Protein backbone atom coordinates (compact mmCIF):
# COMPACT_ATOMS: atom_id res chain seq x y z
CA MET A 1 25.41 9.32 16.25
CA ALA A 2 22.00 10.01 18.15
CA GLY A 3 21.11 13.35 19.34
CA GLY A 4 19.23 14.46 22.42
CA TRP A 5 17.93 11.43 24.40
CA ALA A 6 17.44 9.05 21.73
CA ARG A 7 19.94 6.02 21.70
CA ASP A 8 22.25 5.58 18.96
CA GLY A 9 20.59 4.14 15.65
CA ALA A 10 17.28 5.15 17.23
CA VAL A 11 16.41 7.40 14.15
CA SER A 12 17.57 4.71 11.61
CA GLU A 13 15.41 2.51 13.09
CA GLN A 14 12.27 4.75 13.37
CA ILE A 15 12.80 5.51 9.45
CA GLU A 16 13.33 1.71 8.72
CA ALA A 17 10.28 0.35 11.14
CA SER A 18 8.41 3.44 8.94
CA ILE A 19 9.41 2.48 5.46
CA SER A 20 8.32 -1.68 6.70
CA ASP A 21 4.89 -0.54 7.62
CA GLU A 22 4.39 1.39 4.57
CA LEU A 23 5.61 -1.29 2.01
CA ALA A 24 3.37 -3.76 3.99
CA ARG A 25 0.23 -1.50 3.96
CA MET A 26 0.97 -1.12 -0.25
CA GLN A 27 1.56 -4.95 -0.92
CA ALA A 28 -1.88 -5.93 1.25
CA LYS A 29 -3.55 -3.43 -0.51
CA LYS A 30 -2.52 -4.80 -4.04
CA ARG A 31 -3.16 -8.20 -3.11
CA PRO A 32 -6.63 -9.55 -4.11
CA VAL A 33 -8.16 -12.34 -1.78
CA GLY A 34 -10.41 -15.03 -2.42
CA ALA A 35 -11.34 -16.68 -5.45
CA SER A 36 -11.21 -14.57 -8.92
CA LEU A 37 -14.97 -13.10 -9.99
CA SER A 38 -15.62 -14.04 -13.59
CA HIS A 39 -17.15 -10.66 -14.11
CA CYS A 40 -16.19 -7.18 -12.85
CA ALA A 41 -17.30 -6.27 -9.52
CA GLU A 42 -17.50 -2.70 -10.72
CA CYS A 43 -19.17 -2.60 -14.35
CA GLU A 44 -20.00 -6.09 -14.61
CA GLU A 45 -18.14 -6.82 -17.81
CA PRO A 46 -16.55 -10.66 -18.32
CA ILE A 47 -12.61 -10.76 -16.97
CA PRO A 48 -10.59 -12.16 -19.44
CA GLU A 49 -9.44 -15.71 -18.12
CA ALA A 50 -5.84 -15.10 -18.81
CA ARG A 51 -5.88 -11.90 -15.98
CA ARG A 52 -7.81 -14.52 -13.52
CA GLN A 53 -5.06 -16.65 -14.01
CA ALA A 54 -2.11 -14.05 -13.71
CA ILE A 55 -4.11 -12.39 -10.77
CA PRO A 56 -5.77 -15.01 -8.45
CA GLY A 57 -8.53 -13.34 -6.55
CA VAL A 58 -9.17 -10.64 -9.22
CA LYS A 59 -12.14 -8.49 -8.82
CA LEU A 60 -11.78 -5.78 -11.13
CA CYS A 61 -11.37 -5.73 -15.18
CA ILE A 62 -8.38 -3.79 -16.22
CA GLU A 63 -10.22 -0.63 -16.81
CA CYS A 64 -11.70 -0.53 -13.50
CA MET A 65 -8.58 -1.19 -11.64
CA GLN A 66 -7.13 1.47 -13.85
CA GLU A 67 -9.38 3.99 -12.82
CA ARG A 68 -9.07 2.87 -9.32
CA ASP A 69 -5.26 3.60 -9.13
CA ALA A 70 -5.50 6.82 -11.00
CA SER A 71 -7.61 8.31 -8.03
CA VAL A 72 -5.57 6.72 -5.41
CA GLN A 73 -4.57 9.97 -3.10
CA ALA A 74 -0.79 10.17 -1.40
CA ARG A 75 -1.01 10.39 2.37
CA GLY A 76 0.70 12.56 4.16
CA GLY A 77 4.28 12.35 5.37
CA ILE A 78 3.60 11.95 9.31
CA ASN A 79 5.88 9.79 11.25
CA ARG A 80 5.08 7.39 14.02
CA ARG A 81 4.50 9.95 16.66
CA GLY A 82 2.54 12.24 15.01
CA SER A 83 4.95 14.78 14.15
CA LYS A 84 6.80 15.78 11.13
CA ASP A 85 9.60 17.35 12.95
CA SER A 86 9.86 15.11 16.25
CA GLN A 87 12.94 13.33 14.65
CA LEU A 88 14.79 16.28 13.85
CA LYS A 89 14.50 17.88 17.29
């Protein structure tokens, strides 16, 4: 059931599109690109061979990666139209 001027299923499609976009953004952010480095790009400590083989393209050691992950800030809850309540009207 759609409300207002929206066609049936439009709200569900909007929600699924937003979820798909966010998942794609998160997966792209996690995947390293290029060849693995032998030393960390931030602290220049050696990256263990097992880590380089497990994650092709890795650029950071475990400690630096944990620090970077801990400093990630949450994004706001804005949908594609730029308003939190645009789907509720």
